[in-house]
Amino acid sequence: MSNDRRSRRTRMRPRYLAVAGFLLFLAGVAAFLGIITAEALYPEGYSTSLNRISDLGATQPPHSRIEEPSATIFNTVMMAAGALILVASFCVQRGCGRWLAPVLIALSGVGLVGVGVFPADQGTIHAVFAVLAFGAGALAAIVSFTIVAPPLSYISVILGLTALVIGSLHGVLGDSGPLAGLGLGGIERWVAYPVLLWTTGFGGYLMGRAR
């Protein structure tokens, strides 16, 4: 084993990796189940194709609607998941001695907290936090290539690129993009869900690595 690899291994701190993995795994699972629960309890008429994910917390102005209990469930879960990711980012840094991935993970956590604190009826500020949450999360997935081993490293890059490319195409082409048939809600889920899937998978990997 080279001196470089030996020094990298000595920087690994299993306890921090275990905590980071647990928190990320919990955040990813909670976000998925929170969205599913809020969708199930939303009044009739909600469509995963036509409605944004954020509509679960509140629809956009000027005629905003807030439907309970979906709004409380969605907003609370987003804030909780974001807080878990924020704490996990510190543990990732302490556990592996890297900076770029933890910073991006922290920004994603801040974005999720903002999504819950400022629902879609708050207008632009909500959109900024949503872009931060899933843009930084997608970049974190790509950057984690240097932390995780194959095949997860390749899967992480694919998930991150999927979210970035689809989000960028929709931002540039709008409803004329190649996935326009999915509807606005479907496209948004193709951006958000790969990031949440990576968060869950990365968390599981870190827990296993800590052993």
C-alpha atoms as a PDB file:
ATOM      1  CA  MET A   1       0.000   0.000   0.000  1.00  0.00           C
ATOM      2  CA  SER A   2       1.423   3.404  -0.994  1.00  0.00           C
ATOM      3  CA  ASN A   3       2.090   6.115   1.567  1.00  0.00           C
ATOM      4  CA  ASP A   4      -0.675   8.235  -0.001  1.00  0.00           C
ATOM      5  CA  ARG A   5      -3.281   5.514   0.367  1.00  0.00           C
ATOM      6  CA  ARG A   6      -2.059   4.732   3.855  1.00  0.00           C
ATOM      7  CA  SER A   7      -2.435   8.383   4.910  1.00  0.00           C
ATOM      8  CA  ARG A   8      -5.905   8.565   3.403  1.00  0.00           C
ATOM      9  CA  ARG A   9      -7.001   5.509   5.356  1.00  0.00           C
ATOM     10  CA  THR A  10      -5.718   6.993   8.609  1.00  0.00           C
ATOM     11  CA  ARG A  11      -7.890  10.052   8.022  1.00  0.00           C
ATOM     12  CA  MET A  12     -11.045   7.949   7.914  1.00  0.00           C
ATOM     13  CA  ARG A  13     -13.052   8.169  11.126  1.00  0.00           C
ATOM     14  CA  PRO A  14     -15.587   5.329  11.262  1.00  0.00           C
ATOM     15  CA  ARG A  15     -17.786   6.863  13.970  1.00  0.00           C
ATOM     16  CA  TYR A  16     -18.365  10.016  11.940  1.00  0.00           C
ATOM     17  CA  LEU A  17     -18.999   7.982   8.805  1.00  0.00           C
ATOM     18  CA  ALA A  18     -21.557   5.849  10.638  1.00  0.00           C
ATOM     19  CA  VAL A  19     -23.421   8.899  11.954  1.00  0.00           C
ATOM     20  CA  ALA A  20     -23.294  10.644   8.574  1.00  0.00           C
ATOM     21  CA  GLY A  21     -24.572   7.535   6.816  1.00  0.00           C
ATOM     22  CA  PHE A  22     -27.403   7.052   9.284  1.00  0.00           C
ATOM     23  CA  LEU A  23     -28.519  10.689   9.018  1.00  0.00           C
ATOM     24  CA  LEU A  24     -28.378  10.759   5.216  1.00  0.00           C
ATOM     25  CA  PHE A  25     -30.213   7.457   4.918  1.00  0.00           C
ATOM     26  CA  LEU A  26     -32.873   8.669   7.345  1.00  0.00           C
ATOM     27  CA  ALA A  27     -33.223  11.992   5.513  1.00  0.00           C
ATOM     28  CA  GLY A  28     -33.673  10.320   2.123  1.00  0.00           C
ATOM     29  CA  VAL A  29     -36.235   7.810   3.382  1.00  0.00           C
ATOM     30  CA  ALA A  30     -38.123  10.481   5.344  1.00  0.00           C
ATOM     31  CA  ALA A  31     -38.298  12.775   2.313  1.00  0.00           C
ATOM     32  CA  PHE A  32     -39.670  10.007   0.088  1.00  0.00           C
ATOM     33  CA  LEU A  33     -42.246   8.840   2.617  1.00  0.00           C
ATOM     34  CA  GLY A  34     -43.198  12.428   3.471  1.00  0.00           C
ATOM     35  CA  ILE A  35     -43.912  13.220  -0.168  1.00  0.00           C
ATOM     36  CA  ILE A  36     -45.891  10.005  -0.653  1.00  0.00           C
ATOM     37  CA  THR A  37     -47.926  10.635   2.505  1.00  0.00           C
ATOM     38  CA  ALA A  38     -48.671  14.251   1.575  1.00  0.00           C
ATOM     39  CA  GLU A  39     -49.742  13.146  -1.906  1.00  0.00           C
ATOM     40  CA  ALA A  40     -52.016  10.442  -0.492  1.00  0.00           C
ATOM     41  CA  LEU A  41     -53.728  12.873   1.889  1.00  0.00           C
ATOM     42  CA  TYR A  42     -54.073  15.697  -0.647  1.00  0.00           C
ATOM     43  CA  PRO A  43     -57.632  16.379  -1.839  1.00  0.00           C
ATOM     44  CA  GLU A  44     -58.774  14.921  -5.157  1.00  0.00           C
ATOM     45  CA  GLY A  45     -57.291  16.515  -8.219  1.00  0.00           C
ATOM     46  CA  TYR A  46     -53.591  16.347  -7.341  1.00  0.00           C
ATOM     47  CA  SER A  47     -51.570  14.949 -10.246  1.00  0.00           C
ATOM     48  CA  THR A  48     -47.948  13.812 -10.144  1.00  0.00           C
ATOM     49  CA  SER A  49     -47.772  14.881 -13.788  1.00  0.00           C
ATOM     50  CA  LEU A  50     -49.432  18.281 -13.630  1.00  0.00           C
ATOM     51  CA  ASN A  51     -48.650  19.370 -10.066  1.00  0.00           C
ATOM     52  CA  ARG A  52     -45.246  20.328  -8.695  1.00  0.00           C
ATOM     53  CA  ILE A  53     -43.914  18.523  -5.647  1.00  0.00           C
ATOM     54  CA  SER A  54     -43.933  21.864  -3.846  1.00  0.00           C
ATOM     55  CA  ASP A  55     -47.689  22.192  -4.427  1.00  0.00           C
ATOM     56  CA  LEU A  56     -48.005  19.797  -1.505  1.00  0.00           C
ATOM     57  CA  GLY A  57     -46.806  22.600   0.773  1.00  0.00           C
ATOM     58  CA  ALA A  58     -48.614  25.412  -1.032  1.00  0.00           C
ATOM     59  CA  THR A  59     -49.404  26.292  -4.616  1.00  0.00           C
ATOM     60  CA  GLN A  60     -47.831  29.254  -6.338  1.00  0.00           C
ATOM     61  CA  PRO A  61     -49.239  32.800  -6.197  1.00  0.00           C
ATOM     62  CA  PRO A  62     -51.330  34.725  -7.034  1.00  0.00           C
ATOM     63  CA  HIS A  63     -54.058  32.203  -6.218  1.00  0.00           C
ATOM     64  CA  SER A  64     -52.212  30.055  -3.697  1.00  0.00           C
ATOM     65  CA  ARG A  65     -53.871  27.097  -2.017  1.00  0.00           C
ATOM     66  CA  ILE A  66     -52.770  25.431   1.196  1.00  0.00           C
ATOM     67  CA  GLU A  67     -54.300  22.016   1.779  1.00  0.00           C
ATOM     68  CA  GLU A  68     -54.024  20.352   5.177  1.00  0.00           C
ATOM     69  CA  PRO A  69     -52.715  18.027   6.459  1.00  0.00           C
ATOM     70  CA  SER A  70     -50.559  17.728   3.325  1.00  0.00           C
ATOM     71  CA  ALA A  71     -48.966  21.147   3.740  1.00  0.00           C
ATOM     72  CA  THR A  72     -47.879  20.575   7.333  1.00  0.00           C
ATOM     73  CA  ILE A  73     -46.564  17.096   6.564  1.00  0.00           C
ATOM     74  CA  PHE A  74     -44.610  18.200   3.503  1.00  0.00           C
ATOM     75  CA  ASN A  75     -43.118  21.369   4.970  1.00  0.00           C
ATOM     76  CA  THR A  76     -42.187  19.700   8.258  1.00  0.00           C
ATOM     77  CA  VAL A  77     -40.548  16.736   6.561  1.00  0.00           C
ATOM     78  CA  MET A  78     -38.546  18.992   4.223  1.00  0.00           C
ATOM     79  CA  MET A  79     -37.243  21.025   7.157  1.00  0.00           C
ATOM     80  CA  ALA A  80     -36.404  17.903   9.158  1.00  0.00           C
ATOM     81  CA  ALA A  81     -34.683  16.194   6.219  1.00  0.00           C
ATOM     82  CA  GLY A  82     -32.704  19.338   5.482  1.00  0.00           C
ATOM     83  CA  ALA A  83     -31.575  19.613   9.097  1.00  0.00           C
ATOM     84  CA  LEU A  84     -30.459  15.966   9.102  1.00  0.00           C
ATOM     85  CA  ILE A  85     -28.476  16.530   5.901  1.00  0.00           C
ATOM     86  CA  LEU A  86     -26.823  19.612   7.374  1.00  0.00           C
ATOM     87  CA  VAL A  87     -25.586  17.674  10.402  1.00  0.00           C
ATOM     88  CA  ALA A  88     -24.553  14.792   8.156  1.00  0.00           C
ATOM     89  CA  SER A  89     -22.427  17.113   6.003  1.00  0.00           C
ATOM     90  CA  PHE A  90     -20.296  17.991   9.031  1.00  0.00           C
ATOM     91  CA  CYS A  91     -19.898  14.306   9.868  1.00  0.00           C
ATOM     92  CA  VAL A  92     -18.936  13.472   6.277  1.00  0.00           C
ATOM     93  CA  GLN A  93     -16.185  16.076   6.407  1.00  0.00           C
ATOM     94  CA  ARG A  94     -14.925  14.827   9.751  1.00  0.00           C
ATOM     95  CA  GLY A  95     -15.180  11.223   8.646  1.00  0.00           C
ATOM     96  CA  CYS A  96     -13.358  11.367   5.316  1.00  0.00           C
ATOM     97  CA  GLY A  97     -11.328  14.569   5.477  1.00  0.00           C
ATOM     98  CA  ARG A  98     -12.785  15.981   2.244  1.00  0.00           C
ATOM     99  CA  TRP A  99     -14.339  19.426   1.793  1.00  0.00           C
ATOM    100  CA  LEU A 100     -16.058  19.799  -1.573  1.00  0.00           C
ATOM    101  CA  ALA A 101     -18.678  17.063  -1.203  1.00  0.00           C
ATOM    102  CA  PRO A 102     -19.572  18.039   2.391  1.00  0.00           C
ATOM    103  CA  VAL A 103     -19.998  21.700   1.376  1.00  0.00           C
ATOM    104  CA  LEU A 104     -22.336  20.729  -1.465  1.00  0.00           C
ATOM    105  CA  ILE A 105     -24.240  18.383   0.842  1.00  0.00           C
ATOM    106  CA  ALA A 106     -24.608  21.211   3.369  1.00  0.00           C
ATOM    107  CA  LEU A 107     -25.934  23.563   0.669  1.00  0.00           C
ATOM    108  CA  SER A 108     -28.455  20.917  -0.344  1.00  0.00           C
ATOM    109  CA  GLY A 109     -29.562  20.662   3.287  1.00  0.00           C
ATOM    110  CA  VAL A 110     -29.942  24.442   3.527  1.00  0.00           C
ATOM    111  CA  GLY A 111     -32.037  24.336   0.368  1.00  0.00           C
ATOM    112  CA  LEU A 112     -34.386  21.695   1.758  1.00  0.00           C
ATOM    113  CA  VAL A 113     -34.828  23.614   5.000  1.00  0.00           C
ATOM    114  CA  GLY A 114     -35.658  26.699   2.952  1.00  0.00           C
ATOM    115  CA  VAL A 115     -38.185  24.767   0.866  1.00  0.00           C
ATOM    116  CA  GLY A 116     -40.042  23.880   4.065  1.00  0.00           C
ATOM    117  CA  VAL A 117     -39.730  27.285   5.724  1.00  0.00           C
ATOM    118  CA  PHE A 118     -40.731  29.198   2.591  1.00  0.00           C
ATOM    119  CA  PRO A 119     -43.446  27.225   0.751  1.00  0.00           C
ATOM    120  CA  ALA A 120     -44.278  27.919  -2.894  1.00  0.00           C
ATOM    121  CA  ASP A 121     -46.760  30.661  -1.971  1.00  0.00           C
ATOM    122  CA  GLN A 122     -43.707  32.751  -1.004  1.00  0.00           C
ATOM    123  CA  GLY A 123     -42.758  33.016  -4.671  1.00  0.00           C
ATOM    124  CA  THR A 124     -39.167  33.545  -5.798  1.00  0.00           C
ATOM    125  CA  ILE A 125     -37.473  32.766  -2.493  1.00  0.00           C
ATOM    126  CA  HIS A 126     -38.990  29.274  -2.544  1.00  0.00           C
ATOM    127  CA  ALA A 127     -37.732  28.699  -6.082  1.00  0.00           C
ATOM    128  CA  VAL A 128     -34.211  29.774  -5.081  1.00  0.00           C
ATOM    129  CA  PHE A 129     -34.113  27.295  -2.194  1.00  0.00           C
ATOM    130  CA  ALA A 130     -35.531  24.509  -4.387  1.00  0.00           C
ATOM    131  CA  VAL A 131     -32.834  25.054  -7.018  1.00  0.00           C
ATOM    132  CA  LEU A 132     -30.200  25.131  -4.264  1.00  0.00           C
ATOM    133  CA  ALA A 133     -31.487  21.915  -2.703  1.00  0.00           C
ATOM    134  CA  PHE A 134     -31.483  19.808  -5.831  1.00  0.00           C
ATOM    135  CA  GLY A 135     -28.758  21.595  -7.799  1.00  0.00           C
ATOM    136  CA  ALA A 136     -26.238  21.287  -4.972  1.00  0.00           C
ATOM    137  CA  GLY A 137     -27.475  17.764  -4.251  1.00  0.00           C
ATOM    138  CA  ALA A 138     -26.890  16.720  -7.859  1.00  0.00           C
ATOM    139  CA  LEU A 139     -23.384  18.192  -7.804  1.00  0.00           C
ATOM    140  CA  ALA A 140     -22.686  16.433  -4.498  1.00  0.00           C
ATOM    141  CA  ALA A 141     -23.693  13.135  -6.077  1.00  0.00           C
ATOM    142  CA  ILE A 142     -21.219  13.691  -8.918  1.00  0.00           C
ATOM    143  CA  VAL A 143     -18.404  14.813  -6.631  1.00  0.00           C
ATOM    144  CA  SER A 144     -18.933  11.803  -4.352  1.00  0.00           C
ATOM    145  CA  PHE A 145     -17.304   9.781  -7.152  1.00  0.00           C
ATOM    146  CA  THR A 146     -14.025  10.458  -5.363  1.00  0.00           C
ATOM    147  CA  ILE A 147     -15.309   9.088  -2.054  1.00  0.00           C
ATOM    148  CA  VAL A 148     -17.315   5.973  -2.857  1.00  0.00           C
ATOM    149  CA  ALA A 149     -16.172   2.803  -4.607  1.00  0.00           C
ATOM    150  CA  PRO A 150     -17.605   1.291  -7.807  1.00  0.00           C
ATOM    151  CA  PRO A 151     -20.273   0.516  -8.767  1.00  0.00           C
ATOM    152  CA  LEU A 152     -21.908   3.139  -6.524  1.00  0.00           C
ATOM    153  CA  SER A 153     -19.461   5.782  -7.749  1.00  0.00           C
ATOM    154  CA  TYR A 154     -20.742   5.324 -11.317  1.00  0.00           C
ATOM    155  CA  ILE A 155     -24.363   5.234 -10.199  1.00  0.00           C
ATOM    156  CA  SER A 156     -23.828   8.438  -8.216  1.00  0.00           C
ATOM    157  CA  VAL A 157     -22.519  10.257 -11.286  1.00  0.00           C
ATOM    158  CA  ILE A 158     -25.409   8.987 -13.400  1.00  0.00           C
ATOM    159  CA  LEU A 159     -27.990  10.130 -10.833  1.00  0.00           C
ATOM    160  CA  GLY A 160     -26.342  13.533 -10.425  1.00  0.00           C
ATOM    161  CA  LEU A 161     -26.049  14.106 -14.170  1.00  0.00           C
ATOM    162  CA  THR A 162     -29.639  12.991 -14.701  1.00  0.00           C
ATOM    163  CA  ALA A 163     -30.921  15.618 -12.284  1.00  0.00           C
ATOM    164  CA  LEU A 164     -28.669  18.360 -13.683  1.00  0.00           C
ATOM    165  CA  VAL A 165     -29.339  17.651 -17.358  1.00  0.00           C
ATOM    166  CA  ILE A 166     -33.096  17.315 -17.029  1.00  0.00           C
ATOM    167  CA  GLY A 167     -33.340  20.381 -14.808  1.00  0.00           C
ATOM    168  CA  SER A 168     -31.187  22.419 -17.187  1.00  0.00           C
ATOM    169  CA  LEU A 169     -33.098  21.289 -20.284  1.00  0.00           C
ATOM    170  CA  HIS A 170     -36.378  22.242 -18.687  1.00  0.00           C
ATOM    171  CA  GLY A 171     -34.985  25.592 -17.598  1.00  0.00           C
ATOM    172  CA  VAL A 172     -33.809  26.387 -21.132  1.00  0.00           C
ATOM    173  CA  LEU A 173     -36.469  24.717 -23.301  1.00  0.00           C
ATOM    174  CA  GLY A 174     -39.479  24.852 -20.991  1.00  0.00           C
ATOM    175  CA  ASP A 175     -42.496  22.882 -22.171  1.00  0.00           C
ATOM    176  CA  SER A 176     -40.859  22.136 -25.520  1.00  0.00           C
ATOM    177  CA  GLY A 177     -38.180  19.914 -23.957  1.00  0.00           C
ATOM    178  CA  PRO A 178     -37.796  16.198 -24.736  1.00  0.00           C
ATOM    179  CA  LEU A 179     -39.585  15.179 -21.524  1.00  0.00           C
ATOM    180  CA  ALA A 180     -42.476  17.614 -21.880  1.00  0.00           C
ATOM    181  CA  GLY A 181     -44.877  14.674 -22.076  1.00  0.00           C
ATOM    182  CA  LEU A 182     -44.193  13.924 -18.415  1.00  0.00           C
ATOM    183  CA  GLY A 183     -45.754  17.232 -17.402  1.00  0.00           C
ATOM    184  CA  LEU A 184     -44.221  19.777 -15.059  1.00  0.00           C
ATOM    185  CA  GLY A 185     -44.657  17.500 -12.051  1.00  0.00           C
ATOM    186  CA  GLY A 186     -43.084  14.536 -13.789  1.00  0.00           C
ATOM    187  CA  ILE A 187     -40.078  16.558 -14.902  1.00  0.00           C
ATOM    188  CA  GLU A 188     -39.608  17.968 -11.411  1.00  0.00           C
ATOM    189  CA  ARG A 189     -39.635  14.461  -9.975  1.00  0.00           C
ATOM    190  CA  TRP A 190     -36.962  13.403 -12.477  1.00  0.00           C
ATOM    191  CA  VAL A 191     -34.832  16.164 -10.972  1.00  0.00           C
ATOM    192  CA  ALA A 192     -35.638  15.666  -7.298  1.00  0.00           C
ATOM    193  CA  TYR A 193     -35.904  11.897  -6.999  1.00  0.00           C
ATOM    194  CA  PRO A 194     -32.421  11.039  -8.350  1.00  0.00           C
ATOM    195  CA  VAL A 195     -30.954  13.335  -5.669  1.00  0.00           C
ATOM    196  CA  LEU A 196     -33.025  11.719  -2.925  1.00  0.00           C
ATOM    197  CA  LEU A 197     -32.119   8.249  -4.208  1.00  0.00           C
ATOM    198  CA  TRP A 198     -28.442   9.173  -4.109  1.00  0.00           C
ATOM    199  CA  THR A 199     -28.799  10.604  -0.598  1.00  0.00           C
ATOM    200  CA  THR A 200     -30.271   7.330   0.618  1.00  0.00           C
ATOM    201  CA  GLY A 201     -27.748   5.153  -1.222  1.00  0.00           C
ATOM    202  CA  PHE A 202     -24.772   7.260  -0.134  1.00  0.00           C
ATOM    203  CA  GLY A 203     -25.966   7.066   3.448  1.00  0.00           C
ATOM    204  CA  GLY A 204     -26.170   3.288   3.259  1.00  0.00           C
ATOM    205  CA  TYR A 205     -22.686   3.138   1.743  1.00  0.00           C
ATOM    206  CA  LEU A 206     -21.183   5.247   4.526  1.00  0.00           C
ATOM    207  CA  MET A 207     -22.764   3.059   7.198  1.00  0.00           C
ATOM    208  CA  GLY A 208     -21.252   0.006   5.537  1.00  0.00           C
ATOM    209  CA  ARG A 209     -17.888   1.725   5.093  1.00  0.00           C
ATOM    210  CA  ALA A 210     -17.820   2.587   8.803  1.00  0.00           C
ATOM    211  CA  ARG A 211     -17.644  -1.121   9.631  1.00  0.00           C
END
